[in-house]
Amino acid sequence: MSIRLETIQVGPLGENVYLVQSDDTAFLVDPGDEAERILDLLYTSGISPQFIVLTHGHLDHSSGLPKLLKQWKGRLPRIAIHSLDAPYLGAAGEATNRRLFEGLNALSYFRYAWKALPEPDILLNEGDAIPATNFSVLHTPGHSAGSICLYSPKDSVLISGDTLFRDGIGRTDGVDSDYRALRESLRKLSKLPPETRVYPGHGEATTIGEELGT
């Protein structure tokens, strides 16, 4: 691969944070918790991301943002999220996240994780490129309305968020979930080359062929 990809698992839900260097640009994916460990990853890697990309807005993928940005040294990265999941951030973030976790009977997690979240800088949509990288946006609704995957055909890499896991798919019992939409999103992903390496939001890496092959 012509990219560099590093990962750590954070928080009680074991969420995967990815640090990706593609060409001359770096971005951080889903800083869900443990800002200090994420900062250590950046320091030891020597990589300074220009963007933070959220595969979706759920709090277990974003709650590390406030402390991370507060302790950031140098120019702050721009925060990108799909337009349909933007209400999870900024002024609407507390109410939106509370509604989600209340519906999942998981208010204890909300109370553990909630901190006021910043507004997004970039609203992503289908086909948008992550600037100066080999990655573009695949809108894959179902787990949430604005769930996305990040795909690099050049490197045969898919960062799948909570759409597709090893031996599983994203849950669809949330207030903004849609099982039929998720099935369509999986059909979309099944058209990618089977050797495409999949890096999910939780759990171990896999491939499109292993998960969606016929």
C-alpha atoms as a PDB file:
ATOM      1  CA  MET A   1       0.000   0.000   0.000  1.00  0.00           C
ATOM      2  CA  SER A   2       1.112   3.558  -0.652  1.00  0.00           C
ATOM      3  CA  ILE A   3      -0.582   4.762   2.501  1.00  0.00           C
ATOM      4  CA  ARG A   4       0.362   4.600   6.147  1.00  0.00           C
ATOM      5  CA  LEU A   5      -2.404   3.564   8.525  1.00  0.00           C
ATOM      6  CA  GLU A   6      -2.132   3.234  12.295  1.00  0.00           C
ATOM      7  CA  THR A   7      -4.850   2.387  14.771  1.00  0.00           C
ATOM      8  CA  ILE A   8      -5.608   2.286  18.484  1.00  0.00           C
ATOM      9  CA  GLN A   9      -8.715   1.086  20.304  1.00  0.00           C
ATOM     10  CA  VAL A  10     -10.226   3.489  22.806  1.00  0.00           C
ATOM     11  CA  GLY A  11     -13.042   3.697  25.324  1.00  0.00           C
ATOM     12  CA  PRO A  12     -15.290   1.088  26.923  1.00  0.00           C
ATOM     13  CA  LEU A  13     -16.743   0.102  23.542  1.00  0.00           C
ATOM     14  CA  GLY A  14     -13.342  -0.602  21.975  1.00  0.00           C
ATOM     15  CA  GLU A  15     -13.745   1.953  19.190  1.00  0.00           C
ATOM     16  CA  ASN A  16     -11.033   2.073  16.524  1.00  0.00           C
ATOM     17  CA  VAL A  17      -9.268   5.383  15.921  1.00  0.00           C
ATOM     18  CA  TYR A  18      -7.341   5.536  12.641  1.00  0.00           C
ATOM     19  CA  LEU A  19      -4.456   7.788  11.717  1.00  0.00           C
ATOM     20  CA  VAL A  20      -4.016   7.803   7.952  1.00  0.00           C
ATOM     21  CA  GLN A  21      -1.231   9.301   5.864  1.00  0.00           C
ATOM     22  CA  SER A  22      -2.188   9.429   2.167  1.00  0.00           C
ATOM     23  CA  ASP A  23       0.208  11.138  -0.217  1.00  0.00           C
ATOM     24  CA  ASP A  24       1.238  14.362   1.535  1.00  0.00           C
ATOM     25  CA  THR A  25      -1.891  14.714   3.664  1.00  0.00           C
ATOM     26  CA  ALA A  26      -2.909  13.056   6.921  1.00  0.00           C
ATOM     27  CA  PHE A  27      -6.262  12.679   8.609  1.00  0.00           C
ATOM     28  CA  LEU A  28      -7.572  11.226  11.852  1.00  0.00           C
ATOM     29  CA  VAL A  29     -10.732   9.113  11.867  1.00  0.00           C
ATOM     30  CA  ASP A  30     -13.233   8.836  14.747  1.00  0.00           C
ATOM     31  CA  PRO A  31     -11.453  10.092  17.894  1.00  0.00           C
ATOM     32  CA  GLY A  32     -14.002   8.492  20.211  1.00  0.00           C
ATOM     33  CA  ASP A  33     -12.283   8.674  23.623  1.00  0.00           C
ATOM     34  CA  GLU A  34      -8.958   8.786  25.477  1.00  0.00           C
ATOM     35  CA  ALA A  35      -7.581  11.968  23.955  1.00  0.00           C
ATOM     36  CA  GLU A  36      -4.243  11.504  25.721  1.00  0.00           C
ATOM     37  CA  ARG A  37      -3.605   8.190  23.967  1.00  0.00           C
ATOM     38  CA  ILE A  38      -4.552   9.710  20.624  1.00  0.00           C
ATOM     39  CA  LEU A  39      -2.123  12.570  21.198  1.00  0.00           C
ATOM     40  CA  ASP A  40       0.573  10.041  22.095  1.00  0.00           C
ATOM     41  CA  LEU A  41      -0.120   8.263  18.793  1.00  0.00           C
ATOM     42  CA  LEU A  42       0.301  11.514  16.891  1.00  0.00           C
ATOM     43  CA  TYR A  43       3.504  12.331  18.763  1.00  0.00           C
ATOM     44  CA  THR A  44       5.133   8.925  18.275  1.00  0.00           C
ATOM     45  CA  SER A  45       4.107   8.738  14.609  1.00  0.00           C
ATOM     46  CA  GLY A  46       5.345  12.231  13.830  1.00  0.00           C
ATOM     47  CA  ILE A  47       2.193  12.816  11.785  1.00  0.00           C
ATOM     48  CA  SER A  48       0.121  16.005  12.083  1.00  0.00           C
ATOM     49  CA  PRO A  49      -3.366  15.506  10.608  1.00  0.00           C
ATOM     50  CA  GLN A  50      -4.944  18.273   8.562  1.00  0.00           C
ATOM     51  CA  PHE A  51      -8.438  16.786   8.968  1.00  0.00           C
ATOM     52  CA  ILE A  52     -10.509  14.877  11.494  1.00  0.00           C
ATOM     53  CA  VAL A  53     -13.125  12.777   9.710  1.00  0.00           C
ATOM     54  CA  LEU A  54     -16.082  11.225  11.522  1.00  0.00           C
ATOM     55  CA  THR A  55     -17.636   8.184   9.873  1.00  0.00           C
ATOM     56  CA  HIS A  56     -20.826   9.089  11.736  1.00  0.00           C
ATOM     57  CA  GLY A  57     -21.888  11.293  14.598  1.00  0.00           C
ATOM     58  CA  HIS A  58     -22.498   8.858  17.440  1.00  0.00           C
ATOM     59  CA  LEU A  59     -20.800   9.852  20.657  1.00  0.00           C
ATOM     60  CA  ASP A  60     -18.561   6.790  20.895  1.00  0.00           C
ATOM     61  CA  HIS A  61     -16.855   8.040  17.724  1.00  0.00           C
ATOM     62  CA  SER A  62     -16.559  11.702  18.673  1.00  0.00           C
ATOM     63  CA  SER A  63     -16.299  12.220  22.441  1.00  0.00           C
ATOM     64  CA  GLY A  64     -12.511  12.553  22.373  1.00  0.00           C
ATOM     65  CA  LEU A  65     -12.766  15.690  20.243  1.00  0.00           C
ATOM     66  CA  PRO A  66     -13.082  18.421  22.925  1.00  0.00           C
ATOM     67  CA  LYS A  67     -10.065  17.398  24.999  1.00  0.00           C
ATOM     68  CA  LEU A  68      -8.072  16.482  21.915  1.00  0.00           C
ATOM     69  CA  LEU A  69      -8.549  19.903  20.352  1.00  0.00           C
ATOM     70  CA  LYS A  70      -7.944  21.690  23.651  1.00  0.00           C
ATOM     71  CA  GLN A  71      -4.510  20.074  23.958  1.00  0.00           C
ATOM     72  CA  TRP A  72      -3.645  20.265  20.248  1.00  0.00           C
ATOM     73  CA  LYS A  73      -0.348  21.951  19.436  1.00  0.00           C
ATOM     74  CA  GLY A  74      -0.142  23.843  16.191  1.00  0.00           C
ATOM     75  CA  ARG A  75      -2.847  24.594  13.675  1.00  0.00           C
ATOM     76  CA  LEU A  76      -6.142  22.871  14.482  1.00  0.00           C
ATOM     77  CA  PRO A  77      -7.383  20.294  11.961  1.00  0.00           C
ATOM     78  CA  ARG A  78     -10.707  20.774  10.167  1.00  0.00           C
ATOM     79  CA  ILE A  79     -13.572  18.536  11.295  1.00  0.00           C
ATOM     80  CA  ALA A  80     -15.564  16.740   8.597  1.00  0.00           C
ATOM     81  CA  ILE A  81     -18.817  14.788   8.873  1.00  0.00           C
ATOM     82  CA  HIS A  82     -21.674  13.885   6.546  1.00  0.00           C
ATOM     83  CA  SER A  83     -24.295  16.616   6.383  1.00  0.00           C
ATOM     84  CA  LEU A  84     -27.052  14.316   7.718  1.00  0.00           C
ATOM     85  CA  ASP A  85     -25.077  13.565  10.881  1.00  0.00           C
ATOM     86  CA  ALA A  86     -23.995  17.165  11.510  1.00  0.00           C
ATOM     87  CA  PRO A  87     -26.657  17.603  14.265  1.00  0.00           C
ATOM     88  CA  TYR A  88     -24.578  15.293  16.471  1.00  0.00           C
ATOM     89  CA  LEU A  89     -22.012  18.095  16.720  1.00  0.00           C
ATOM     90  CA  GLY A  90     -22.159  21.707  17.825  1.00  0.00           C
ATOM     91  CA  ALA A  91     -25.182  23.370  19.367  1.00  0.00           C
ATOM     92  CA  ALA A  92     -27.535  20.475  18.629  1.00  0.00           C
ATOM     93  CA  GLY A  93     -25.090  17.798  19.771  1.00  0.00           C
ATOM     94  CA  GLU A  94     -26.199  17.286  23.353  1.00  0.00           C
ATOM     95  CA  ALA A  95     -29.883  16.851  22.529  1.00  0.00           C
ATOM     96  CA  THR A  96     -29.169  14.636  19.512  1.00  0.00           C
ATOM     97  CA  ASN A  97     -26.800  12.327  21.363  1.00  0.00           C
ATOM     98  CA  ARG A  98     -29.037  12.169  24.437  1.00  0.00           C
ATOM     99  CA  ARG A  99     -31.991  11.165  22.262  1.00  0.00           C
ATOM    100  CA  LEU A 100     -29.967   8.394  20.649  1.00  0.00           C
ATOM    101  CA  PHE A 101     -28.641   6.851  23.851  1.00  0.00           C
ATOM    102  CA  GLU A 102     -31.925   7.281  25.685  1.00  0.00           C
ATOM    103  CA  GLY A 103     -33.588   5.303  22.889  1.00  0.00           C
ATOM    104  CA  LEU A 104     -30.948   2.587  23.310  1.00  0.00           C
ATOM    105  CA  ASN A 105     -31.486   2.499  27.109  1.00  0.00           C
ATOM    106  CA  ALA A 106     -27.864   3.581  27.458  1.00  0.00           C
ATOM    107  CA  LEU A 107     -28.070   6.944  29.216  1.00  0.00           C
ATOM    108  CA  SER A 108     -25.284   5.825  31.537  1.00  0.00           C
ATOM    109  CA  TYR A 109     -22.925   5.817  28.547  1.00  0.00           C
ATOM    110  CA  PHE A 110     -24.172   9.243  27.489  1.00  0.00           C
ATOM    111  CA  ARG A 111     -23.427  10.619  30.967  1.00  0.00           C
ATOM    112  CA  TYR A 112     -19.969   9.030  30.890  1.00  0.00           C
ATOM    113  CA  ALA A 113     -19.020  10.292  27.438  1.00  0.00           C
ATOM    114  CA  TRP A 114     -20.800  13.582  26.860  1.00  0.00           C
ATOM    115  CA  LYS A 115     -18.750  16.766  26.522  1.00  0.00           C
ATOM    116  CA  ALA A 116     -19.737  19.783  24.456  1.00  0.00           C
ATOM    117  CA  LEU A 117     -18.686  19.095  20.870  1.00  0.00           C
ATOM    118  CA  PRO A 118     -17.425  21.603  18.286  1.00  0.00           C
ATOM    119  CA  GLU A 119     -19.283  22.516  15.127  1.00  0.00           C
ATOM    120  CA  PRO A 120     -18.077  20.780  11.956  1.00  0.00           C
ATOM    121  CA  ASP A 121     -15.967  22.681   9.450  1.00  0.00           C
ATOM    122  CA  ILE A 122     -16.742  20.491   6.421  1.00  0.00           C
ATOM    123  CA  LEU A 123     -20.037  18.817   5.517  1.00  0.00           C
ATOM    124  CA  LEU A 124     -19.397  15.742   3.414  1.00  0.00           C
ATOM    125  CA  ASN A 125     -21.618  14.102   0.826  1.00  0.00           C
ATOM    126  CA  GLU A 126     -21.420  11.139  -1.572  1.00  0.00           C
ATOM    127  CA  GLY A 127     -18.386  11.255  -3.829  1.00  0.00           C
ATOM    128  CA  ASP A 128     -16.581  14.063  -2.024  1.00  0.00           C
ATOM    129  CA  ALA A 129     -12.819  13.709  -1.811  1.00  0.00           C
ATOM    130  CA  ILE A 130     -10.831  14.051   1.370  1.00  0.00           C
ATOM    131  CA  PRO A 131      -8.639  16.881   0.050  1.00  0.00           C
ATOM    132  CA  ALA A 132      -5.178  15.941  -1.220  1.00  0.00           C
ATOM    133  CA  THR A 133      -5.653  12.226  -0.427  1.00  0.00           C
ATOM    134  CA  ASN A 134      -6.640   9.098  -2.337  1.00  0.00           C
ATOM    135  CA  PHE A 135      -9.835   8.758  -0.284  1.00  0.00           C
ATOM    136  CA  SER A 136     -13.377   9.677  -1.201  1.00  0.00           C
ATOM    137  CA  VAL A 137     -16.722   9.440   0.585  1.00  0.00           C
ATOM    138  CA  LEU A 138     -19.198   6.611   0.143  1.00  0.00           C
ATOM    139  CA  HIS A 139     -22.502   7.509   1.772  1.00  0.00           C
ATOM    140  CA  THR A 140     -23.637   4.305   3.513  1.00  0.00           C
ATOM    141  CA  PRO A 141     -26.749   5.101   5.571  1.00  0.00           C
ATOM    142  CA  GLY A 142     -28.358   2.571   7.869  1.00  0.00           C
ATOM    143  CA  HIS A 143     -26.504   2.628  11.172  1.00  0.00           C
ATOM    144  CA  SER A 144     -27.162   6.362  11.085  1.00  0.00           C
ATOM    145  CA  ALA A 145     -28.596   8.579   8.377  1.00  0.00           C
ATOM    146  CA  GLY A 146     -25.225  10.153   7.665  1.00  0.00           C
ATOM    147  CA  SER A 147     -22.929   7.148   8.032  1.00  0.00           C
ATOM    148  CA  ILE A 148     -20.057   7.109   5.565  1.00  0.00           C
ATOM    149  CA  CYS A 149     -17.173   4.904   4.515  1.00  0.00           C
ATOM    150  CA  LEU A 150     -13.869   6.257   3.253  1.00  0.00           C
ATOM    151  CA  TYR A 151     -12.593   4.451   0.179  1.00  0.00           C
ATOM    152  CA  SER A 152      -9.267   4.490  -1.612  1.00  0.00           C
ATOM    153  CA  PRO A 153      -9.433   2.408  -4.811  1.00  0.00           C
ATOM    154  CA  LYS A 154      -5.750   3.060  -5.414  1.00  0.00           C
ATOM    155  CA  ASP A 155      -4.808   1.441  -2.104  1.00  0.00           C
ATOM    156  CA  SER A 156      -7.726  -1.051  -1.929  1.00  0.00           C
ATOM    157  CA  VAL A 157      -8.675   0.274   1.507  1.00  0.00           C
ATOM    158  CA  LEU A 158     -12.100   0.945   3.014  1.00  0.00           C
ATOM    159  CA  ILE A 159     -12.556   2.580   6.420  1.00  0.00           C
ATOM    160  CA  SER A 160     -16.063   1.377   7.162  1.00  0.00           C
ATOM    161  CA  GLY A 161     -17.103   2.990  10.450  1.00  0.00           C
ATOM    162  CA  ASP A 162     -20.054   1.104  11.932  1.00  0.00           C
ATOM    163  CA  THR A 163     -21.478   0.013   8.578  1.00  0.00           C
ATOM    164  CA  LEU A 164     -19.486  -3.210   8.204  1.00  0.00           C
ATOM    165  CA  PHE A 165     -17.475  -5.222  10.722  1.00  0.00           C
ATOM    166  CA  ARG A 166     -15.602  -8.474  10.693  1.00  0.00           C
ATOM    167  CA  ASP A 167     -18.387 -11.058  11.027  1.00  0.00           C
ATOM    168  CA  GLY A 168     -21.051  -8.414  11.498  1.00  0.00           C
ATOM    169  CA  ILE A 169     -22.839  -5.253  10.476  1.00  0.00           C
ATOM    170  CA  GLY A 170     -23.860  -2.070  12.254  1.00  0.00           C
ATOM    171  CA  ARG A 171     -26.819  -2.138  14.631  1.00  0.00           C
ATOM    172  CA  THR A 172     -30.059  -0.627  13.403  1.00  0.00           C
ATOM    173  CA  ASP A 173     -32.049  -0.106  16.610  1.00  0.00           C
ATOM    174  CA  GLY A 174     -31.137   3.559  17.019  1.00  0.00           C
ATOM    175  CA  VAL A 175     -33.519   6.450  16.483  1.00  0.00           C
ATOM    176  CA  ASP A 176     -31.732   7.396  13.254  1.00  0.00           C
ATOM    177  CA  SER A 177     -31.149   3.832  12.016  1.00  0.00           C
ATOM    178  CA  ASP A 178     -32.743   2.121   9.034  1.00  0.00           C
ATOM    179  CA  TYR A 179     -32.253  -1.598   8.389  1.00  0.00           C
ATOM    180  CA  ARG A 180     -33.375  -1.417   4.750  1.00  0.00           C
ATOM    181  CA  ALA A 181     -30.982   1.452   4.105  1.00  0.00           C
ATOM    182  CA  LEU A 182     -28.154  -0.548   5.674  1.00  0.00           C
ATOM    183  CA  ARG A 183     -28.897  -3.527   3.428  1.00  0.00           C
ATOM    184  CA  GLU A 184     -28.686  -1.228   0.399  1.00  0.00           C
ATOM    185  CA  SER A 185     -25.413   0.191   1.697  1.00  0.00           C
ATOM    186  CA  LEU A 186     -23.993  -3.311   2.052  1.00  0.00           C
ATOM    187  CA  ARG A 187     -25.075  -4.101  -1.502  1.00  0.00           C
ATOM    188  CA  LYS A 188     -23.178  -1.004  -2.595  1.00  0.00           C
ATOM    189  CA  LEU A 189     -20.047  -2.120  -0.742  1.00  0.00           C
ATOM    190  CA  SER A 190     -20.321  -5.641  -2.155  1.00  0.00           C
ATOM    191  CA  LYS A 191     -19.515  -4.197  -5.585  1.00  0.00           C
ATOM    192  CA  LEU A 192     -16.032  -3.177  -4.438  1.00  0.00           C
ATOM    193  CA  PRO A 193     -13.148  -5.509  -5.325  1.00  0.00           C
ATOM    194  CA  PRO A 194     -13.159  -8.521  -2.978  1.00  0.00           C
ATOM    195  CA  GLU A 195      -9.548  -7.919  -1.954  1.00  0.00           C
ATOM    196  CA  THR A 196     -10.420  -4.480  -0.565  1.00  0.00           C
ATOM    197  CA  ARG A 197      -9.109  -4.285   2.998  1.00  0.00           C
ATOM    198  CA  VAL A 198     -11.796  -3.187   5.460  1.00  0.00           C
ATOM    199  CA  TYR A 199     -10.934  -1.254   8.613  1.00  0.00           C
ATOM    200  CA  PRO A 200     -14.080  -1.105  10.787  1.00  0.00           C
ATOM    201  CA  GLY A 201     -15.150   1.135  13.649  1.00  0.00           C
ATOM    202  CA  HIS A 202     -14.888  -1.760  16.104  1.00  0.00           C
ATOM    203  CA  GLY A 203     -13.034  -5.045  15.956  1.00  0.00           C
ATOM    204  CA  GLU A 204     -10.439  -6.469  13.604  1.00  0.00           C
ATOM    205  CA  ALA A 205      -9.737  -5.695   9.971  1.00  0.00           C
ATOM    206  CA  THR A 206     -11.203  -7.889   7.251  1.00  0.00           C
ATOM    207  CA  THR A 207     -11.890  -7.788   3.507  1.00  0.00           C
ATOM    208  CA  ILE A 208     -14.910  -7.153   1.317  1.00  0.00           C
ATOM    209  CA  GLY A 209     -14.632 -10.676  -0.052  1.00  0.00           C
ATOM    210  CA  GLU A 210     -14.639 -12.267   3.399  1.00  0.00           C
ATOM    211  CA  GLU A 211     -17.702 -10.326   4.545  1.00  0.00           C
ATOM    212  CA  LEU A 212     -19.784  -9.738   1.404  1.00  0.00           C
ATOM    213  CA  GLY A 213     -18.494 -12.259  -1.100  1.00  0.00           C
ATOM    214  CA  THR A 214     -20.901 -14.715  -2.694  1.00  0.00           C
END
